[in-house]
Protein backbone atom coordinates (compact mmCIF):
# COMPACT_ATOMS: atom_id res chain seq x y z
CA MET A 1 11.96 5.29 6.23
CA ILE A 2 9.13 7.23 7.86
CA ASP A 3 8.14 6.26 11.38
CA THR A 4 4.49 7.24 11.25
CA HIS A 5 3.82 7.05 14.98
CA CYS A 6 6.29 7.64 17.78
CA HIS A 7 6.42 9.59 21.03
CA LEU A 8 9.77 11.32 20.76
CA ASP A 9 9.28 13.37 23.92
CA LEU A 10 9.07 10.16 25.95
CA LEU A 11 12.40 8.78 24.70
CA LYS A 12 15.46 8.71 26.89
CA LYS A 13 17.77 11.63 26.19
CA GLU A 14 20.40 9.48 24.46
CA ASP A 15 17.79 7.67 22.36
CA LEU A 16 16.33 10.97 21.18
CA GLU A 17 19.81 12.22 20.29
CA ASP A 18 20.51 9.02 18.33
CA THR A 19 17.17 9.37 16.53
CA LEU A 20 17.86 12.93 15.44
CA LYS A 21 21.24 11.82 14.03
CA ASP A 22 19.84 8.80 12.19
CA SER A 23 19.88 9.70 8.48
CA SER A 24 17.97 6.53 7.55
CA LEU A 25 14.85 8.08 9.08
CA GLU A 26 13.52 10.46 6.43
CA HIS A 27 10.68 11.79 8.58
CA LEU A 28 9.08 11.09 11.93
CA ILE A 29 5.53 11.73 13.06
CA THR A 30 5.65 12.40 16.78
CA VAL A 31 2.33 12.14 18.57
CA GLY A 32 0.84 14.17 21.40
CA TYR A 33 -2.04 12.62 23.36
CA ASP A 34 -2.66 15.08 26.24
CA ARG A 35 -1.95 18.77 26.89
CA LYS A 36 1.63 18.18 28.00
CA THR A 37 2.67 15.82 25.19
CA ILE A 38 0.85 17.92 22.58
CA LYS A 39 3.01 20.89 23.54
CA ASN A 40 6.12 18.69 23.46
CA ALA A 41 5.24 17.27 20.03
CA LEU A 42 4.72 20.75 18.59
CA LYS A 43 8.02 21.96 19.99
CA LEU A 44 9.97 19.02 18.55
CA ALA A 45 8.32 19.47 15.15
CA GLN A 46 9.03 23.18 15.07
CA GLU A 47 12.67 22.66 15.98
CA ASN A 48 13.41 19.83 13.54
CA GLU A 49 12.82 19.90 9.80
CA ARG A 50 12.35 16.14 9.53
CA ILE A 51 9.77 15.93 12.30
CA PHE A 52 6.01 16.44 11.90
CA CYS A 53 3.34 15.85 14.47
CA ALA A 54 -0.15 14.58 15.15
CA ILE A 55 -1.98 16.07 18.12
CA GLY A 56 -5.10 14.92 19.90
CA PHE A 57 -6.54 13.39 23.05
CA HIS A 58 -6.08 9.68 23.71
CA PRO A 59 -9.15 7.71 24.87
CA HIS A 60 -7.41 7.16 28.22
CA GLU A 61 -7.61 10.94 28.74
CA ALA A 62 -11.27 11.29 27.75
CA ASP A 63 -12.70 11.72 31.27
CA SER A 64 -10.68 14.89 31.79
CA VAL A 65 -11.12 16.42 28.29
CA SER A 66 -13.33 19.52 28.20
CA ASP A 67 -14.76 21.53 25.33
CA ASP A 68 -12.14 24.18 26.11
CA ASP A 69 -9.42 21.56 25.60
CA LEU A 70 -10.90 20.69 22.22
CA LEU A 71 -11.08 24.35 21.18
CA TRP A 72 -7.44 24.75 22.22
CA LEU A 73 -6.53 21.68 20.15
CA LYS A 74 -8.29 23.04 17.09
CA GLU A 75 -6.59 26.42 17.35
CA LEU A 76 -3.15 24.81 17.69
CA ALA A 77 -3.68 22.61 14.65
CA GLU A 78 -5.04 25.52 12.63
CA LYS A 79 -2.01 27.75 13.10
CA ASN A 80 0.83 25.18 12.98
CA HIS A 81 1.77 23.85 9.54
CA LYS A 82 3.80 21.01 11.09
CA VAL A 83 0.59 19.44 12.41
CA LYS A 84 -0.27 16.76 9.85
CA ALA A 85 -3.11 14.94 11.63
CA ILE A 86 -5.50 15.04 14.57
CA GLY A 87 -4.98 12.24 17.10
CA GLU A 88 -4.29 9.89 18.49
CA MET A 89 -7.95 9.57 19.34
CA GLY A 90 -10.35 6.69 19.53
CA LEU A 91 -11.62 3.99 21.85
CA ASP A 92 -9.95 1.67 24.34
CA PHE A 93 -12.42 -0.79 25.82
CA TYR A 94 -9.61 -3.05 27.03
CA LYS A 95 -8.30 -0.94 29.89
CA ASP A 96 -11.36 1.33 30.28
CA TYR A 97 -9.33 4.10 31.94
CA SER A 98 -12.12 6.48 30.90
CA ASP A 99 -15.88 6.07 30.75
CA ARG A 100 -16.88 4.48 27.42
CA LYS A 101 -19.55 7.06 26.63
CA LYS A 102 -17.07 9.85 27.34
CA GLN A 103 -14.52 8.17 25.06
CA GLU A 104 -17.09 8.04 22.27
CA ASP A 105 -18.04 11.68 22.75
CA VAL A 106 -14.43 12.93 22.66
CA PHE A 107 -13.71 10.70 19.66
CA ARG A 108 -16.65 12.13 17.71
CA LYS A 109 -15.76 15.72 18.54
CA GLN A 110 -12.15 15.28 17.42
CA ILE A 111 -13.27 13.73 14.12
CA ASN A 112 -15.38 16.84 13.55
CA ILE A 113 -12.37 19.06 14.26
CA ALA A 114 -10.35 17.10 11.70
CA ARG A 115 -13.12 17.44 9.12
CA GLU A 116 -13.33 21.19 9.71
CA LEU A 117 -9.56 21.53 9.22
CA GLY A 118 -9.24 18.98 6.40
CA LEU A 119 -6.71 16.88 8.31
CA PRO A 120 -6.54 13.07 8.53
CA ILE A 121 -7.03 11.35 11.86
CA VAL A 122 -4.89 8.92 13.87
CA VAL A 123 -7.10 6.28 15.46
CA HIS A 124 -6.44 4.13 18.53
CA SER A 125 -8.83 1.17 18.72
CA ARG A 126 -8.54 -1.65 21.22
CA ASP A 127 -11.31 -4.17 21.88
CA ALA A 128 -13.71 -1.73 20.21
CA GLU A 129 -13.86 -2.71 16.54
CA GLU A 130 -17.61 -2.47 15.95
CA LYS A 131 -18.04 0.81 17.80
CA THR A 132 -14.98 2.31 16.07
CA ILE A 133 -16.41 1.52 12.62
CA GLU A 134 -19.82 2.84 13.67
CA ILE A 135 -18.38 6.18 14.77
CA LEU A 136 -16.10 6.53 11.74
CA ARG A 137 -19.12 6.06 9.49
CA GLU A 138 -21.56 8.23 11.45
CA GLU A 139 -19.10 11.12 11.76
CA ARG A 140 -18.09 10.83 8.08
CA ALA A 141 -14.43 10.32 8.93
CA TYR A 142 -13.97 8.94 5.42
CA GLU A 143 -14.08 12.56 4.20
CA VAL A 144 -10.57 13.10 5.60
CA GLY A 145 -9.33 9.55 6.03
CA GLY A 146 -6.56 8.60 8.38
CA VAL A 147 -4.75 5.66 9.91
CA ILE A 148 -5.61 2.91 12.36
CA HIS A 149 -2.37 3.01 14.28
CA CYS A 150 -0.61 0.03 15.85
CA PHE A 151 -3.10 -2.32 14.25
CA THR A 152 -3.82 -5.56 16.11
CA GLY A 153 -7.38 -6.19 14.93
CA SER A 154 -9.20 -8.77 12.87
CA TYR A 155 -9.22 -9.18 9.10
CA THR A 156 -12.85 -8.01 9.03
CA PHE A 157 -11.96 -4.84 10.93
CA MET A 158 -9.00 -4.17 8.64
CA LYS A 159 -11.15 -4.62 5.54
CA LYS A 160 -13.88 -2.28 6.83
CA CYS A 161 -11.30 0.39 7.70
CA VAL A 162 -9.67 0.12 4.26
CA ASP A 163 -13.08 0.34 2.61
CA LEU A 164 -13.59 3.62 4.48
CA GLY A 165 -10.34 4.91 2.97
CA PHE A 166 -8.10 4.36 5.99
CA TYR A 167 -4.50 3.24 6.16
CA ILE A 168 -3.37 0.39 8.40
CA SER A 169 -0.18 0.85 10.42
CA TYR A 170 1.78 -2.08 11.78
CA SER A 171 4.25 -1.96 14.66
CA GLY A 172 6.83 -4.24 16.24
CA ILE A 173 3.98 -6.47 17.42
CA ILE A 174 4.13 -8.29 14.06
CA THR A 175 7.57 -9.60 15.08
CA TYR A 176 6.29 -11.29 18.26
CA LYS A 177 6.19 -15.07 18.38
CA ASN A 178 2.49 -15.19 19.33
CA ALA A 179 1.38 -12.81 16.54
CA ASP A 180 0.61 -15.40 13.83
CA THR A 181 -3.00 -14.23 13.43
CA LEU A 182 -1.91 -10.61 13.04
CA ARG A 183 0.71 -11.61 10.48
CA GLU A 184 -2.02 -13.31 8.44
CA VAL A 185 -4.03 -10.07 8.47
CA LEU A 186 -0.97 -8.12 7.35
CA ARG A 187 -0.50 -10.49 4.39
CA LYS A 188 -3.99 -9.56 3.19
CA THR A 189 -3.68 -5.83 3.79
CA PRO A 190 -3.61 -3.67 0.63
CA THR A 191 -0.02 -2.64 0.02
CA ALA A 192 -1.25 0.81 -1.05
CA ARG A 193 -2.81 1.24 2.40
CA MET A 194 0.02 -0.03 4.58
CA LEU A 195 2.15 2.01 7.00
CA ILE A 196 4.84 1.16 9.53
CA GLU A 197 5.53 2.61 12.97
CA THR A 198 7.40 2.01 16.22
CA ASP A 199 5.06 3.61 18.79
CA SER A 200 8.35 4.15 20.60
CA PRO A 201 9.27 4.07 23.41
CA PHE A 202 6.68 1.27 23.60
CA LEU A 203 6.42 -2.12 21.82
CA ALA A 204 10.04 -2.84 20.93
CA PRO A 205 10.36 -5.52 18.20
CA GLN A 206 11.28 -9.10 19.14
CA PRO A 207 15.09 -8.84 18.69
CA VAL A 208 15.19 -5.96 21.23
CA ARG A 209 12.07 -6.81 23.22
CA GLY A 210 12.32 -5.72 26.82
CA LYS A 211 14.30 -2.59 25.92
CA PRO A 212 12.78 0.87 25.46
CA ASN A 213 11.79 1.14 21.81
CA LYS A 214 13.19 3.84 19.51
CA PRO A 215 12.62 4.80 15.86
CA SER A 216 15.79 3.13 14.57
CA TYR A 217 14.33 -0.23 15.59
CA ILE A 218 11.72 0.19 12.85
CA TRP A 219 14.01 -1.81 10.53
CA TYR A 220 13.39 -4.99 12.55
CA THR A 221 9.68 -4.62 11.79
CA ALA A 222 10.42 -3.84 8.13
CA GLU A 223 12.44 -7.05 7.80
CA VAL A 224 9.50 -9.15 8.99
CA MET A 225 7.09 -7.22 6.78
CA ALA A 226 9.30 -7.92 3.75
CA LYS A 227 9.12 -11.66 4.45
CA LEU A 228 5.34 -11.55 4.73
CA ILE A 229 4.57 -9.56 1.56
CA PRO A 230 5.31 -11.39 -1.72
CA ASN A 231 7.99 -10.02 -4.07
CA SER A 232 9.30 -7.55 -1.47
CA SER A 233 12.68 -6.56 -0.09
CA VAL A 234 13.32 -4.33 2.91
CA GLU A 235 14.05 -1.52 0.45
CA ASP A 236 10.62 -2.06 -1.11
CA ILE A 237 8.96 -1.86 2.31
CA ASP A 238 10.86 1.35 3.06
CA ARG A 239 9.78 3.01 -0.18
CA MET A 240 6.22 1.66 -0.11
CA THR A 241 5.36 2.68 3.44
CA SER A 242 7.18 6.01 3.16
CA GLU A 243 5.37 7.07 0.01
CA ASN A 244 2.05 5.92 1.47
CA ALA A 245 2.79 8.11 4.49
CA LYS A 246 3.56 11.11 2.29
CA LEU A 247 0.21 10.71 0.59
CA LEU A 248 -1.70 10.43 3.85
CA PHE A 249 0.07 13.19 5.76
CA ASN A 250 0.57 15.55 2.80
CA ILE A 251 4.36 15.57 3.02
CA GLY A 252 6.62 16.57 0.13
CA ASN A 253 5.27 15.80 -3.33
CA ASN A 254 2.72 13.35 -1.86
CA GLY A 255 4.26 10.55 -3.88
CA ARG A 256 2.48 11.67 -7.06
CA LYS A 257 5.30 11.62 -9.55
CA ASP A 258 5.05 10.29 -13.11
CA THR A 259 6.57 6.82 -13.24
CA ILE A 260 7.89 5.24 -16.44
CA THR A 261 10.03 2.51 -14.87
CA TYR A 262 10.19 1.29 -11.30
CA VAL A 263 12.21 -1.31 -9.39
CA ILE A 264 10.71 -3.89 -7.03
CA ASN A 265 12.79 -6.73 -5.61
CA ASN A 266 15.46 -6.20 -8.29
CA LYS A 267 12.99 -6.46 -11.16
CA LEU A 268 12.57 -3.44 -13.45
CA TYR A 269 8.94 -2.76 -14.33
CA ILE A 270 7.94 -0.72 -17.39
CA ASN A 271 4.79 1.40 -17.25
CA LEU A 272 4.21 1.55 -21.00
CA THR A 273 0.68 2.97 -20.97
CA ASN A 274 -2.20 3.92 -18.67
CA LYS A 275 -4.76 2.59 -21.17
CA CYS A 276 -6.60 -0.62 -20.36
CA ASN A 277 -9.45 -2.44 -22.09
CA LEU A 278 -10.75 -4.10 -18.91
CA HIS A 279 -12.49 -2.68 -15.85
CA CYS A 280 -11.62 -5.31 -13.26
CA ALA A 281 -13.58 -5.05 -10.02
CA PHE A 282 -10.47 -5.74 -7.94
CA CYS A 283 -8.29 -3.07 -9.60
CA GLN A 284 -7.32 -0.01 -7.55
CA ARG A 285 -7.63 2.29 -10.57
CA GLU A 286 -11.29 1.31 -10.86
CA ARG A 287 -12.17 1.43 -7.18
CA GLU A 288 -10.43 4.51 -5.84
CA ARG A 289 -8.14 5.97 -8.50
CA ASN A 290 -5.19 5.00 -6.36
CA PHE A 291 -2.20 4.21 -8.56
CA MET A 292 0.31 3.53 -5.80
CA VAL A 293 2.30 0.30 -6.18
CA LYS A 294 4.79 -0.36 -3.40
CA GLY A 295 5.77 3.27 -3.13
CA TYR A 296 5.54 4.23 -6.81
CA TRP A 297 2.79 6.35 -8.33
CA VAL A 298 2.35 4.14 -11.39
CA TRP A 299 0.81 6.68 -13.69
CA THR A 300 2.08 8.99 -16.40
CA SER A 301 0.65 12.16 -17.90
CA ARG A 302 1.33 10.64 -21.34
CA ASP A 303 2.58 7.39 -22.88
CA PRO A 304 6.40 7.39 -22.80
CA SER A 305 8.39 7.08 -26.02
CA VAL A 306 10.54 4.08 -26.82
CA GLU A 307 13.65 6.24 -26.42
CA GLU A 308 12.57 7.43 -22.95
CA VAL A 309 12.00 3.88 -21.76
CA ILE A 310 15.30 2.58 -23.13
CA LYS A 311 17.16 5.45 -21.47
CA GLU A 312 15.63 4.56 -18.11
CA ILE A 313 16.39 0.86 -18.53
CA GLY A 314 20.10 1.40 -19.17
CA ASP A 315 21.84 -1.94 -18.63
CA PRO A 316 19.04 -4.57 -18.35
CA THR A 317 21.42 -7.20 -16.94
CA LYS A 318 21.45 -5.29 -13.65
CA TYR A 319 17.98 -6.67 -13.02
CA ASP A 320 16.60 -10.18 -12.62
CA GLU A 321 14.11 -9.41 -15.37
CA ILE A 322 12.46 -6.55 -17.25
CA VAL A 323 8.69 -6.65 -16.78
CA PHE A 324 6.12 -4.78 -18.87
CA CYS A 325 3.57 -4.07 -16.17
CA GLY A 326 1.58 -1.03 -15.02
CA TYR A 327 -2.06 -0.03 -14.68
CA GLY A 328 -2.47 -0.29 -18.45
CA GLU A 329 -2.27 -3.12 -20.99
CA PRO A 330 1.22 -3.15 -22.60
CA THR A 331 0.18 -4.98 -25.79
CA LEU A 332 -1.99 -1.98 -26.70
CA ARG A 333 1.37 -0.43 -27.64
CA PHE A 334 2.57 -3.47 -29.56
CA SER A 335 5.21 -1.70 -31.68
CA ALA A 336 6.76 0.06 -28.69
CA LEU A 337 6.75 -3.16 -26.67
CA LYS A 338 8.47 -4.97 -29.54
CA ASP A 339 11.18 -2.31 -29.97
CA ILE A 340 11.94 -2.10 -26.27
CA ALA A 341 11.99 -5.89 -25.85
CA LYS A 342 14.40 -6.13 -28.80
CA TYR A 343 16.75 -3.68 -27.04
CA VAL A 344 16.59 -5.64 -23.79
CA LYS A 345 17.33 -8.97 -25.46
CA LEU A 346 20.22 -7.51 -27.49
CA LYS A 347 21.73 -6.30 -24.23
CA GLY A 348 21.34 -9.71 -22.58
CA GLY A 349 18.27 -9.10 -20.45
CA LYS A 350 15.21 -11.24 -19.69
CA VAL A 351 11.71 -10.02 -20.67
CA ARG A 352 8.35 -10.75 -19.09
CA VAL A 353 5.07 -9.23 -20.23
CA ASP A 354 2.15 -9.05 -17.80
CA THR A 355 -0.96 -8.99 -19.98
CA ASN A 356 -4.71 -9.36 -19.73
CA GLY A 357 -4.51 -11.73 -22.70
CA LEU A 358 -6.86 -9.74 -24.93
CA MET A 359 -4.34 -8.93 -27.67
CA PHE A 360 -6.32 -10.96 -30.20
CA THR A 361 -9.30 -8.62 -29.84
CA TYR A 362 -7.37 -5.86 -31.65
CA LEU A 363 -4.47 -7.60 -33.42
CA PRO A 364 -4.34 -10.69 -35.64
CA GLU A 365 -3.06 -13.84 -33.96
CA GLU A 366 -0.08 -13.93 -36.32
CA LYS A 367 1.40 -10.82 -34.65
CA LEU A 368 2.30 -12.90 -31.59
CA SER A 369 5.02 -14.72 -33.52
CA GLU A 370 6.80 -11.39 -34.09
CA LEU A 371 7.71 -11.43 -30.39
CA LYS A 372 9.42 -14.83 -30.48
CA GLY A 373 12.93 -14.45 -29.15
CA LEU A 374 12.01 -11.06 -27.66
CA VAL A 375 9.60 -12.08 -24.89
CA ASP A 376 10.66 -14.87 -22.55
CA VAL A 377 7.55 -15.12 -20.39
CA TRP A 378 3.91 -14.15 -20.75
CA SER A 379 2.08 -13.67 -17.45
CA VAL A 380 -1.58 -13.82 -18.45
CA SER A 381 -4.44 -12.68 -16.21
CA LEU A 382 -6.87 -15.58 -16.44
CA ASN A 383 -8.72 -14.47 -13.30
CA ALA A 384 -11.66 -16.88 -13.51
CA HIS A 385 -12.63 -20.49 -14.02
CA ASP A 386 -15.47 -19.76 -16.47
CA GLU A 387 -16.87 -17.06 -18.73
CA GLU A 388 -19.66 -15.99 -16.41
CA THR A 389 -17.28 -15.34 -13.52
CA TYR A 390 -14.77 -13.64 -15.81
CA ASN A 391 -17.40 -11.21 -17.10
CA LYS A 392 -18.47 -10.33 -13.56
CA VAL A 393 -14.96 -9.86 -12.22
CA CYS A 394 -13.09 -8.39 -15.20
CA ARG A 395 -16.01 -6.56 -16.85
CA PRO A 396 -14.77 -6.67 -20.48
CA ALA A 397 -16.32 -4.69 -23.31
CA GLN A 398 -16.19 -7.76 -25.60
CA GLY A 399 -18.65 -10.59 -25.04
CA ASP A 400 -16.12 -13.22 -26.11
CA ALA A 401 -13.22 -11.87 -24.03
CA PHE A 402 -12.78 -14.99 -21.89
CA SER A 403 -12.48 -17.23 -24.95
CA LYS A 404 -9.92 -14.79 -26.40
CA VAL A 405 -7.82 -15.09 -23.23
CA ILE A 406 -7.93 -18.88 -23.49
CA LYS A 407 -6.98 -18.67 -27.17
CA PHE A 408 -4.04 -16.36 -26.33
CA ILE A 409 -2.69 -18.79 -23.73
CA LYS A 410 -2.97 -21.73 -26.16
CA ARG A 411 -1.37 -19.85 -29.04
CA ALA A 412 1.49 -18.53 -26.88
CA LEU A 413 2.25 -22.07 -25.72
CA GLU A 414 2.13 -23.34 -29.32
CA GLU A 415 4.63 -20.61 -30.28
CA GLY A 416 7.01 -21.89 -27.60
CA PHE A 417 6.65 -19.11 -25.04
CA GLU A 418 6.68 -19.78 -21.31
CA VAL A 419 3.20 -18.90 -20.05
CA ILE A 420 2.08 -18.28 -16.49
CA ALA A 421 -1.68 -18.02 -15.98
CA THR A 422 -2.58 -15.87 -12.97
CA ALA A 423 -5.60 -14.97 -10.89
CA VAL A 424 -6.50 -12.67 -8.04
CA ASP A 425 -8.10 -14.21 -4.97
CA TYR A 426 -11.24 -12.11 -5.37
CA GLU A 427 -14.74 -12.81 -4.15
CA GLY A 428 -16.54 -15.16 -6.55
CA VAL A 429 -13.35 -16.53 -8.12
CA ASP A 430 -12.85 -20.27 -7.50
CA ILE A 431 -9.07 -20.32 -7.22
CA GLU A 432 -8.80 -24.10 -7.28
CA ARG A 433 -10.91 -24.46 -10.42
CA THR A 434 -9.00 -21.61 -12.06
CA ARG A 435 -5.72 -23.35 -11.26
CA LYS A 436 -6.97 -26.58 -12.79
CA LEU A 437 -8.08 -24.73 -15.92
CA ALA A 438 -4.67 -23.09 -16.27
CA GLU A 439 -2.84 -26.36 -15.87
CA SER A 440 -5.18 -28.13 -18.29
CA LEU A 441 -4.13 -25.59 -20.90
CA GLY A 442 -0.48 -26.39 -20.23
CA ALA A 443 0.34 -23.11 -18.50
CA LYS A 444 2.17 -22.58 -15.24
CA TRP A 445 0.13 -21.14 -12.40
CA ARG A 446 0.34 -18.27 -9.90
CA TYR A 447 -2.19 -16.33 -7.87
CA ARG A 448 -1.96 -13.35 -5.58
CA PRO A 449 -4.08 -12.36 -2.59
CA TYR A 450 -6.67 -9.69 -3.27
CA GLU A 451 -5.28 -6.19 -2.55
CA VAL A 452 -1.61 -7.24 -2.51
CA VAL A 453 -0.33 -5.25 -5.47
CA GLY A 454 3.20 -5.39 -6.92
């Protein structure tokens, strides 16, 4: 696990010692927010391989921050490779410890430092959503990106930050009994843009609330996050948030590693191809070329061979099911899909294929029967209640694509397959009418919130 925001220099001596011994914490980002804590953060990062730091001036400090302080900050960040971000910086209109105009000025200047150095920013925003977005846009913070740390804001604020390329970091606050609204925002947060933090020694999670927080308590927050995000275990949350952090803070291989198979919630997913014959408006590959799915970079430099896939599967009975699913359409490699599915079934495994349902645009309908006994479940992306909506949302090359999807669902049911029709809760899609259409065809039904991938 990576704790993306903690103040290690403020921990009690024994808590810091425990943290440094905790092998479950892969990396820690310790944060300096004034001259003293910036120096402390740098020292801890330099002395410990697993620790990196973010340095900047908190909005509470803004009244006392001079241009000399900002020049000093820039020089420190420039010459220390363990500095992975500038911040925390931002606006706090809740406590107003510093003049609001001064907060805005220091915020803008630190964004410019980050842009000059090519470093992401760590943003503190409390009761200042509109002004925060305004400044991020005006100062072109999207050029370097960053994280809204310890997020407690609205869905609208989250969405605007994500649209600017920012990550959203959740803390122990999501475990609090009165945090229902925040938990609803988390459920709708893109999994490829989600981070986790403790902000220790502050904001201890509910099971240890009232005690000084420490990085090892991050697992309490991860447990709640796993319950909120569909098809997720604590291990998935660990991998997902850690790899997202590596991408943002430029740590290790940045998470960009070719992925042929990947495990989520004890299901083995097969990334058979990157090729796809749709250009769905809601797809991450279309919007930002981000191929991260719960901590896996679901992309390959080439289509894997049947032998490579089978080798990675090993014993398929170890998993609840084997799922053909990536950022490409698996039926485009029909022969490979058939051979791999045959291996899985011979070894006693269960097979599901996630498809866009357009197989009949490039293969005769009769080919579907060749997969009887090899594929247990077809999960078909219906994604709309009518052709007009489908064409707007899925943007197919073929004018009759929607009718081909309907035909695929009907034919698969006639052949005796289990079929689940699915949709993404995307703007313009009438989920209730899409559900009724799916059920009228005889298919089972499932939908996922927009942006929740995997």
